[in-house]
Structures are given as structure tokens and as C-alpha cells.
Amino acid sequence: MKVFIRFLVFISFGFSATSSFAWGFWGHQRINRMAVFTLPPEMLGFYKQHIDFVTEHAVDPDKRRYAVDHEAPRHYIDLDHYGEYPFDSLPRRWKDAVARFSEDTLNAYGIVPWHIQLDYYRLVDAFKALDADRILKISADLGHYIADSNVPLHTTENYNGQLTGQKGIHGLWESRLPEIFGNGYDYFIGSATYIENPLAEAWQTVLESHLALDSVLGFERQLTKTFPTDRKFSYENRNNVLVRVYSQEFSDKYHSMLSGQVERRIRSSILRVASFWFSAWVDAGQPDLSPLLNAEVKPDEIESPKKQKGADRESQDVGAIMNLPGIELDQTEYISAKMLQRAGAAWLETRYFMIKSVAPDFERI
């Protein structure tokens, strides 16, 4: 018996297409890569030798969102849950915040500044041990979380405009715009500097990001009023897949209204990533990294995605949506990783999908 289903598929296409993870794969990889070139000579040789690793694995934390419990809160903090700027009711030190709100509450609304601090001290320890494997893996991860903390929509409960009728803005701001305009940005931002207080710097970053939130949401809302849907969105063919995206015209005007905001946040990400790496090396005693130049680093194996507990904060972004009605499947055949692979999409680069069908056995995975 055949059954016709209609389903939505959310896909990340690495460099070549829009991802709805923070900054997208393209953005995270560009940030880590460019951070290498701001390092001092004592570090540059080692990081440049392994630049492909810290670039490629800049996206590992996003891949782990579907394999590791408690990974998701490391990417954001909903500051507006705790009141109004500058959110003085929320203690900056982890132990004080836990005592006031409980660890469960903090995890529910995000822990990115505290996780940046944790990974920072892990990196210090890795430098002290001259453990090339840990240095590179933690550097790649730390770069990811710092970059996330520079995204305004990672500091609010309204992370995808779902509270203001602006669903999809998450992918528009941090994936679609960098994808279109990112090659024209200025990535040369000077040299990494020493950070005296890593936790204070992480907090400063999320507070700066949150201050940019009004324009992120306000300009999109204002612009949408002037655009009919058929001009706001368009379709693009990517890897033989029809993808619904924000139109070039809408993206151009929104990018102009933001007056360089996306570029500024990417530049901030690059400098802060490099400065955290540099500071960890200094705090470790400035060890000689030359013996590690030819070290072989084995990537961690990321487990198969697990069934999500609760909603994925970024699963409903516009910018990577396929709407394919009339797909014919045997009733006993499930949408699975193997099916996606047969379709030419790598599982770990697949965002999230939902099947809506008359078939009795389907689930959101």
C-alpha cells in the first residue's frame, strides 16, 4: 500500500547553503579560521599548521546538539527572562546564580557565558599539558561558543521571532545575510589581546549582543510591512533541491538597514575568539608550541542524533526549507538517516525534520 506524505526538511549545506545554526556552518568556520591570523608568532605557527582542523571542527558543538544531552543551553542565554538590561538580578558568578535561581532554571534559559569560562580554563590546562589534541578540540569548541555569544538572537527568549510574529528571523540574520554578504566583509581586525577576566568578558559580549536586539527585530518588522510575501521570499535550487529563502531584494534592504551590524558582530567574534585562545596560552605560562607542529589529531566521533527533549530553538528557521508534496513511500518505510543519505544529504549536516502524514508511525526526531 502506498501513502502520500507531505514533509518539511530543514537542511544545512555547509559552506554552500544556509544553515540555521548560529552563524551557520559558513560563519562559524570563517570566524575560527580568521581568528588564527590575529595570533602572535609564538602561537601562529601551531595554529596555522592545524588551521583546517579548527576551521572544520568549528561546527562540532552544533552537531552535538542532537547527540549530547545538555549541549543546547551552552549556545545561548535568555537574558530577558531575568528582567531588563543590564539584568542585575542575575548574578555573574555561577555559584551565586545557582544559589539564586537553581541549576535547572539556568540550564533552561541558557548558560553560554559560564560555559565559555569553563572551556577557557580547560584550554589553559591543555596548554599546560602540551596536549595538542585537547588544545585544538577545545579551541574549536570555544570559538563556537564565543561566536554564538555575539549573536543578538542568542540572548533572548524571542530567539526566532516566534513571540512577535517574525518566525525565521534567526536564520535570516545569522545565516542568510552572512551567506550573501560575508565575502565582502573586512576580516582584518588587528592582533589578539590579553583578557584579564574571561568571565567578565563573556558577560560583556552577551550584554553587547542583547543591546543590538531591538534593531534586529525592529528593522525586520518595519521592512516586512512593505513587502508582500511573494517578494519577501523566493526559491533557490541547491544541490538539486528547491529551497525557500528570504529573497535577495528583502535581504539587501534588511542588510542595509542594519548598517553593518552583522559584519561588526562577526568581527567582534573573530577578535574575541583569538583573544581567548591567546589569553589561555599566556595563563598557561606561554609554553613552546613548536614540538606540537606535526601532532596528529583524531576528530571525536559524534554519536547519531538522539530524539530531542523539548523543542529545538532553531528548528523553524526560514532559509533552508524544502516543501515537497506527494512523496510516495511504502507505509512500512520510515524517513531515516539512510533515506537522507540516498537523497545525497549527510545526516550530520541535516537540521531537523517533521513528517506530516496519514501514516500511523511518524515522529519528530
Protein backbone atom coordinates (compact mmCIF):
# COMPACT_ATOMS: atom_id res chain seq x y z
CA MET A 1 0.00 0.00 0.00
CA LYS A 2 1.31 3.40 -0.91
CA VAL A 3 0.80 6.50 1.14
CA PHE A 4 1.41 10.09 0.11
CA ILE A 5 3.02 12.35 2.64
CA ARG A 6 3.95 15.98 2.85
CA PHE A 7 7.02 16.85 4.82
CA LEU A 8 9.33 19.66 5.69
CA VAL A 9 13.05 19.16 5.75
CA PHE A 10 15.48 21.55 7.34
CA ILE A 11 18.98 21.17 5.93
CA SER A 12 22.41 22.70 6.50
CA PHE A 13 24.61 22.63 3.42
CA GLY A 14 27.94 23.57 4.98
CA PHE A 15 29.63 26.43 3.19
CA SER A 16 27.35 26.36 0.20
CA ALA A 17 23.97 26.94 1.78
CA THR A 18 22.07 28.47 4.62
CA SER A 19 22.30 26.79 7.97
CA SER A 20 20.03 27.71 10.83
CA PHE A 21 22.60 27.01 13.47
CA ALA A 22 24.12 30.15 14.93
CA TRP A 23 26.13 31.94 12.23
CA GLY A 24 25.58 28.87 10.04
CA PHE A 25 28.39 26.47 9.20
CA TRP A 26 29.90 29.10 6.89
CA GLY A 27 30.03 31.76 9.60
CA HIS A 28 31.44 29.59 12.38
CA GLN A 29 34.14 28.20 10.15
CA ARG A 30 35.09 31.62 8.82
CA ILE A 31 35.32 33.05 12.35
CA ASN A 32 37.64 30.34 13.65
CA ARG A 33 39.78 30.45 10.53
CA MET A 34 40.28 34.20 10.57
CA ALA A 35 41.00 34.19 14.31
CA VAL A 36 44.18 32.21 13.63
CA PHE A 37 45.74 35.12 11.74
CA THR A 38 45.44 37.51 14.69
CA LEU A 39 47.64 35.34 16.96
CA PRO A 40 51.23 36.22 17.93
CA PRO A 41 54.12 34.42 16.17
CA GLU A 42 54.64 32.08 19.13
CA MET A 43 51.15 30.64 18.53
CA LEU A 44 50.62 31.31 14.85
CA GLY A 45 52.88 28.51 13.60
CA PHE A 46 50.99 25.85 15.57
CA TYR A 47 47.51 27.13 14.79
CA LYS A 48 48.29 27.76 11.13
CA GLN A 49 49.63 24.22 10.81
CA HIS A 50 46.29 22.97 12.14
CA ILE A 51 44.06 25.67 10.67
CA ASP A 52 41.97 23.18 8.73
CA PHE A 53 41.13 21.35 11.96
CA VAL A 54 39.97 24.40 13.92
CA THR A 55 38.05 25.54 10.83
CA GLU A 56 36.30 22.27 10.05
CA HIS A 57 35.52 21.47 13.68
CA ALA A 58 34.15 24.92 14.48
CA VAL A 59 30.73 23.38 13.90
CA ASP A 60 31.12 20.33 16.17
CA PRO A 61 29.10 21.86 19.03
CA ASP A 62 26.14 22.32 16.69
CA LYS A 63 26.40 18.71 15.55
CA ARG A 64 26.46 17.61 19.17
CA ARG A 65 23.16 19.39 19.86
CA TYR A 66 21.41 16.25 18.65
CA ALA A 67 23.72 13.71 20.27
CA VAL A 68 24.70 15.09 23.68
CA ASP A 69 22.30 15.86 26.50
CA HIS A 70 22.56 19.42 27.88
CA GLU A 71 24.55 20.65 24.86
CA ALA A 72 21.91 23.10 23.65
CA PRO A 73 21.98 25.53 26.66
CA ARG A 74 25.69 26.10 26.09
CA HIS A 75 24.86 28.11 22.97
CA TYR A 76 22.67 30.91 24.37
CA ILE A 77 21.33 32.78 27.38
CA ASP A 78 17.83 34.26 27.53
CA LEU A 79 18.78 37.42 29.37
CA ASP A 80 15.31 38.95 29.13
CA HIS A 81 13.93 36.12 31.25
CA TYR A 82 15.70 37.81 34.17
CA GLY A 83 14.25 41.29 33.74
CA GLU A 84 15.62 44.29 31.92
CA TYR A 85 19.11 45.43 30.86
CA PRO A 86 21.64 45.21 32.49
CA PHE A 87 19.95 42.24 34.24
CA ASP A 88 21.41 42.94 37.66
CA SER A 89 19.12 40.33 39.21
CA LEU A 90 21.21 37.62 37.53
CA PRO A 91 24.49 37.04 39.40
CA ARG A 92 27.52 36.80 37.11
CA ARG A 93 29.28 34.06 39.07
CA TRP A 94 27.92 30.56 38.50
CA LYS A 95 27.67 29.54 42.15
CA ASP A 96 25.83 32.73 43.03
CA ALA A 97 23.45 32.31 40.10
CA VAL A 98 22.73 28.68 41.06
CA ALA A 99 22.06 29.72 44.66
CA ARG A 100 19.57 32.33 43.49
CA PHE A 101 17.80 30.60 40.60
CA SER A 102 18.78 26.87 40.72
CA GLU A 103 20.86 24.97 38.19
CA ASP A 104 17.74 23.66 36.43
CA THR A 105 16.50 27.19 35.79
CA LEU A 106 19.85 28.35 34.49
CA ASN A 107 20.05 25.42 32.09
CA ALA A 108 16.51 26.06 30.94
CA TYR A 109 17.38 29.61 29.88
CA GLY A 110 20.95 29.11 28.70
CA ILE A 111 24.46 29.15 30.15
CA VAL A 112 26.74 30.40 27.36
CA PRO A 113 28.87 32.90 29.38
CA TRP A 114 29.56 30.33 32.08
CA HIS A 115 30.37 27.64 29.55
CA ILE A 116 32.82 29.97 27.82
CA GLN A 117 34.59 30.39 31.16
CA LEU A 118 34.62 26.61 31.70
CA ASP A 119 36.10 25.87 28.28
CA TYR A 120 38.62 28.67 28.77
CA TYR A 121 40.11 27.02 31.83
CA ARG A 122 40.02 23.66 30.07
CA LEU A 123 42.12 25.25 27.33
CA VAL A 124 44.57 26.64 29.89
CA ASP A 125 45.03 23.12 31.27
CA ALA A 126 45.50 21.69 27.78
CA PHE A 127 48.24 24.24 27.04
CA LYS A 128 49.97 23.41 30.33
CA ALA A 129 49.93 19.72 29.42
CA LEU A 130 51.09 20.45 25.84
CA ASP A 131 48.27 18.20 24.70
CA ALA A 132 47.81 19.11 21.04
CA ASP A 133 44.66 17.03 20.71
CA ARG A 134 42.89 18.82 23.54
CA ILE A 135 44.25 22.25 22.60
CA LEU A 136 42.78 22.05 19.12
CA LYS A 137 39.47 20.46 20.04
CA ILE A 138 38.82 22.89 22.89
CA SER A 139 39.96 25.83 20.75
CA ALA A 140 37.48 24.87 18.04
CA ASP A 141 34.66 24.46 20.57
CA LEU A 142 35.48 27.62 22.47
CA GLY A 143 35.47 29.58 19.22
CA HIS A 144 31.99 28.31 18.51
CA TYR A 145 30.51 29.33 21.87
CA ILE A 146 32.15 32.76 21.75
CA ALA A 147 30.76 33.31 18.27
CA ASP A 148 27.30 32.29 19.46
CA SER A 149 27.50 34.78 22.31
CA ASN A 150 27.98 37.55 19.73
CA VAL A 151 24.59 36.81 18.14
CA PRO A 152 21.79 39.07 19.45
CA LEU A 153 19.15 36.38 18.96
CA HIS A 154 21.11 34.10 21.28
CA THR A 155 20.36 36.42 24.19
CA THR A 156 16.55 36.39 24.18
CA GLU A 157 13.53 34.18 24.70
CA ASN A 158 12.29 35.57 21.37
CA TYR A 159 15.17 33.78 19.66
CA ASN A 160 13.38 33.15 16.37
CA GLY A 161 10.86 35.98 16.41
CA GLN A 162 8.23 33.47 17.48
CA LEU A 163 6.87 35.85 20.11
CA THR A 164 6.49 38.77 17.70
CA GLY A 165 5.23 37.09 14.53
CA GLN A 166 8.70 37.06 12.93
CA LYS A 167 9.46 33.35 12.70
CA GLY A 168 12.53 32.72 10.58
CA ILE A 169 14.47 35.83 11.57
CA HIS A 170 17.07 33.67 13.33
CA GLY A 171 18.23 32.14 10.07
CA LEU A 172 17.86 35.42 8.18
CA TRP A 173 20.15 37.43 10.43
CA GLU A 174 22.87 34.91 11.23
CA SER A 175 22.89 32.65 8.17
CA ARG A 176 21.25 34.19 5.12
CA LEU A 177 22.89 37.61 5.43
CA PRO A 178 26.44 36.31 6.05
CA GLU A 179 25.99 33.85 3.20
CA ILE A 180 25.11 36.63 0.78
CA PHE A 181 27.36 39.45 2.01
CA GLY A 182 30.06 37.76 4.07
CA ASN A 183 32.68 37.54 1.34
CA GLY A 184 32.73 41.32 1.21
CA TYR A 185 33.31 41.85 4.93
CA ASP A 186 36.58 43.15 6.36
CA TYR A 187 38.12 40.39 8.48
CA PHE A 188 41.43 42.07 9.29
CA ILE A 189 40.97 43.39 12.79
CA GLY A 190 44.42 43.64 14.35
CA SER A 191 46.04 41.40 16.93
CA ALA A 192 44.62 39.30 19.75
CA THR A 193 44.83 40.95 23.17
CA TYR A 194 45.09 39.57 26.68
CA ILE A 195 41.80 39.19 28.59
CA GLU A 196 42.20 39.90 32.30
CA ASN A 197 38.87 38.39 33.35
CA PRO A 198 37.42 35.75 30.98
CA LEU A 199 34.05 35.56 32.73
CA ALA A 200 33.61 39.34 32.72
CA GLU A 201 34.49 39.39 29.01
CA ALA A 202 31.93 36.67 28.26
CA TRP A 203 29.27 38.69 30.08
CA GLN A 204 30.27 41.88 28.28
CA THR A 205 29.83 40.03 24.99
CA VAL A 206 26.28 38.83 25.65
CA LEU A 207 25.26 42.24 27.01
CA GLU A 208 26.58 43.95 23.86
CA SER A 209 24.73 41.43 21.73
CA HIS A 210 21.48 41.98 23.59
CA LEU A 211 21.68 45.74 23.06
CA ALA A 212 21.60 45.09 19.31
CA LEU A 213 18.39 43.07 19.56
CA ASP A 214 15.96 45.98 19.14
CA SER A 215 17.30 46.81 15.70
CA VAL A 216 17.46 43.14 14.64
CA LEU A 217 13.74 42.72 15.32
CA GLY A 218 12.57 46.28 14.70
CA PHE A 219 14.06 46.73 11.24
CA GLU A 220 12.76 43.35 10.04
CA ARG A 221 9.28 44.16 11.31
CA GLN A 222 9.37 47.58 9.66
CA LEU A 223 10.62 46.20 6.35
CA THR A 224 8.13 43.32 6.29
CA LYS A 225 5.24 45.81 6.29
CA THR A 226 6.41 47.00 2.86
CA PHE A 227 6.93 43.55 1.32
CA PRO A 228 4.23 41.15 0.09
CA THR A 229 5.08 37.52 0.79
CA ASP A 230 5.86 36.74 -2.84
CA ARG A 231 8.63 39.37 -2.76
CA LYS A 232 9.87 38.65 0.76
CA PHE A 233 10.62 35.02 -0.06
CA SER A 234 11.97 33.23 -3.10
CA TYR A 235 13.17 29.76 -4.06
CA GLU A 236 16.66 28.66 -4.96
CA ASN A 237 17.93 25.41 -6.42
CA ARG A 238 20.71 23.99 -4.26
CA ASN A 239 22.14 20.57 -4.92
CA ASN A 240 19.03 19.80 -6.98
CA VAL A 241 16.82 20.75 -4.04
CA LEU A 242 14.28 23.57 -4.17
CA VAL A 243 14.90 25.71 -1.08
CA ARG A 244 12.69 28.52 0.20
CA VAL A 245 14.79 31.51 1.29
CA TYR A 246 14.47 35.18 2.08
CA SER A 247 14.65 36.93 -1.28
CA GLN A 248 17.72 38.78 -2.45
CA GLU A 249 15.74 42.02 -2.54
CA PHE A 250 14.47 41.67 1.03
CA SER A 251 17.90 40.58 2.28
CA ASP A 252 19.61 43.52 0.57
CA LYS A 253 17.30 46.07 2.16
CA TYR A 254 17.40 44.48 5.60
CA HIS A 255 21.20 44.29 5.49
CA SER A 256 21.36 47.98 4.54
CA MET A 257 19.03 48.96 7.38
CA LEU A 258 21.30 47.15 9.86
CA SER A 259 24.19 49.43 8.76
CA GLY A 260 27.00 46.89 9.12
CA GLN A 261 25.70 45.25 12.30
CA VAL A 262 26.25 41.67 11.12
CA GLU A 263 29.78 42.44 9.99
CA ARG A 264 30.54 44.13 13.32
CA ARG A 265 29.35 41.11 15.29
CA ILE A 266 31.42 38.75 13.13
CA ARG A 267 34.49 40.95 13.59
CA SER A 268 33.85 41.02 17.33
CA SER A 269 33.61 37.23 17.28
CA ILE A 270 36.92 36.83 15.47
CA LEU A 271 38.85 39.13 17.79
CA ARG A 272 37.35 37.64 20.93
CA VAL A 273 37.96 34.05 19.82
CA ALA A 274 41.61 34.83 19.15
CA SER A 275 41.97 36.79 22.38
CA PHE A 276 40.55 33.93 24.45
CA TRP A 277 42.97 31.49 22.79
CA PHE A 278 45.87 33.87 23.35
CA SER A 279 44.95 34.57 26.97
CA ALA A 280 44.67 30.86 27.76
CA TRP A 281 48.17 30.33 26.35
CA VAL A 282 49.52 33.22 28.44
CA ASP A 283 47.82 31.95 31.60
CA ALA A 284 49.37 28.54 30.93
CA GLY A 285 52.84 30.10 31.07
CA GLN A 286 53.36 30.72 27.33
CA PRO A 287 54.57 27.19 26.55
CA ASP A 288 56.63 26.46 23.44
CA LEU A 289 54.21 25.00 20.89
CA SER A 290 56.79 24.11 18.25
CA PRO A 291 57.04 20.43 19.33
CA LEU A 292 53.32 20.12 18.51
CA LEU A 293 53.52 21.32 14.91
CA ASN A 294 53.28 17.84 13.43
CA ALA A 295 50.92 16.39 16.01
CA GLU A 296 48.16 14.20 14.61
CA VAL A 297 44.71 14.98 15.93
CA LYS A 298 41.90 12.46 15.64
CA PRO A 299 38.45 14.02 15.46
CA ASP A 300 35.92 12.93 18.04
CA GLU A 301 33.21 10.64 16.78
CA ILE A 302 29.84 12.29 17.20
CA GLU A 303 27.07 9.89 18.04
CA SER A 304 23.94 9.51 15.97
CA PRO A 305 21.32 12.12 16.81
CA LYS A 306 19.00 11.36 19.70
CA LYS A 307 15.35 12.11 19.90
CA GLN A 308 15.07 15.68 21.13
CA LYS A 309 13.78 16.51 24.57
CA GLY A 310 11.65 19.59 24.05
CA ALA A 311 11.64 21.93 21.12
CA ASP A 312 14.74 22.77 19.12
CA ARG A 313 15.21 26.53 19.43
CA GLU A 314 16.34 26.87 15.83
CA SER A 315 14.33 24.23 14.02
CA GLN A 316 11.83 26.54 12.32
CA ASP A 317 14.11 28.96 10.52
CA VAL A 318 13.28 30.06 7.04
CA GLY A 319 16.26 29.74 4.75
CA ALA A 320 16.62 26.00 4.44
CA ILE A 321 13.14 24.69 3.85
CA MET A 322 12.04 22.15 1.29
CA ASN A 323 8.33 21.73 0.76
CA LEU A 324 7.91 18.53 -1.22
CA PRO A 325 4.33 17.34 -1.54
CA GLY A 326 3.42 13.96 -2.98
CA ILE A 327 6.49 11.93 -1.99
CA GLU A 328 5.48 8.30 -2.43
CA LEU A 329 6.68 5.83 0.20
CA ASP A 330 5.79 2.34 1.31
CA GLN A 331 3.76 2.56 4.51
CA THR A 332 6.38 0.43 6.26
CA GLU A 333 9.30 2.60 5.15
CA TYR A 334 10.41 5.29 7.60
CA ILE A 335 12.11 8.59 6.97
CA SER A 336 15.59 7.90 8.29
CA ALA A 337 19.23 8.79 8.02
CA LYS A 338 19.65 6.18 5.30
CA MET A 339 16.91 7.76 3.25
CA LEU A 340 18.54 11.16 3.53
CA GLN A 341 21.88 9.67 2.52
CA ARG A 342 20.24 8.09 -0.51
CA ALA A 343 18.95 11.57 -1.31
CA GLY A 344 22.50 12.88 -1.10
CA ALA A 345 22.31 14.75 2.23
CA ALA A 346 24.76 13.85 5.02
CA TRP A 347 22.96 13.12 8.29
CA LEU A 348 25.13 15.29 10.47
CA GLU A 349 24.51 18.21 8.14
CA THR A 350 20.74 17.73 8.38
CA ARG A 351 18.92 20.18 10.55
CA TYR A 352 15.65 18.79 11.75
CA PHE A 353 12.62 17.47 10.03
CA MET A 354 8.98 16.74 10.66
CA ILE A 355 6.73 14.39 8.76
CA LYS A 356 3.04 15.18 8.49
CA SER A 357 1.28 12.14 7.14
CA VAL A 358 -1.61 9.75 7.37
CA ALA A 359 0.96 7.07 8.14
CA PRO A 360 0.48 5.83 11.72
CA ASP A 361 4.13 5.72 12.69
CA PHE A 362 5.94 9.02 12.39
CA GLU A 363 7.71 11.20 14.87
CA ARG A 364 9.78 14.31 15.18
CA ILE A 365 13.39 13.27 15.53
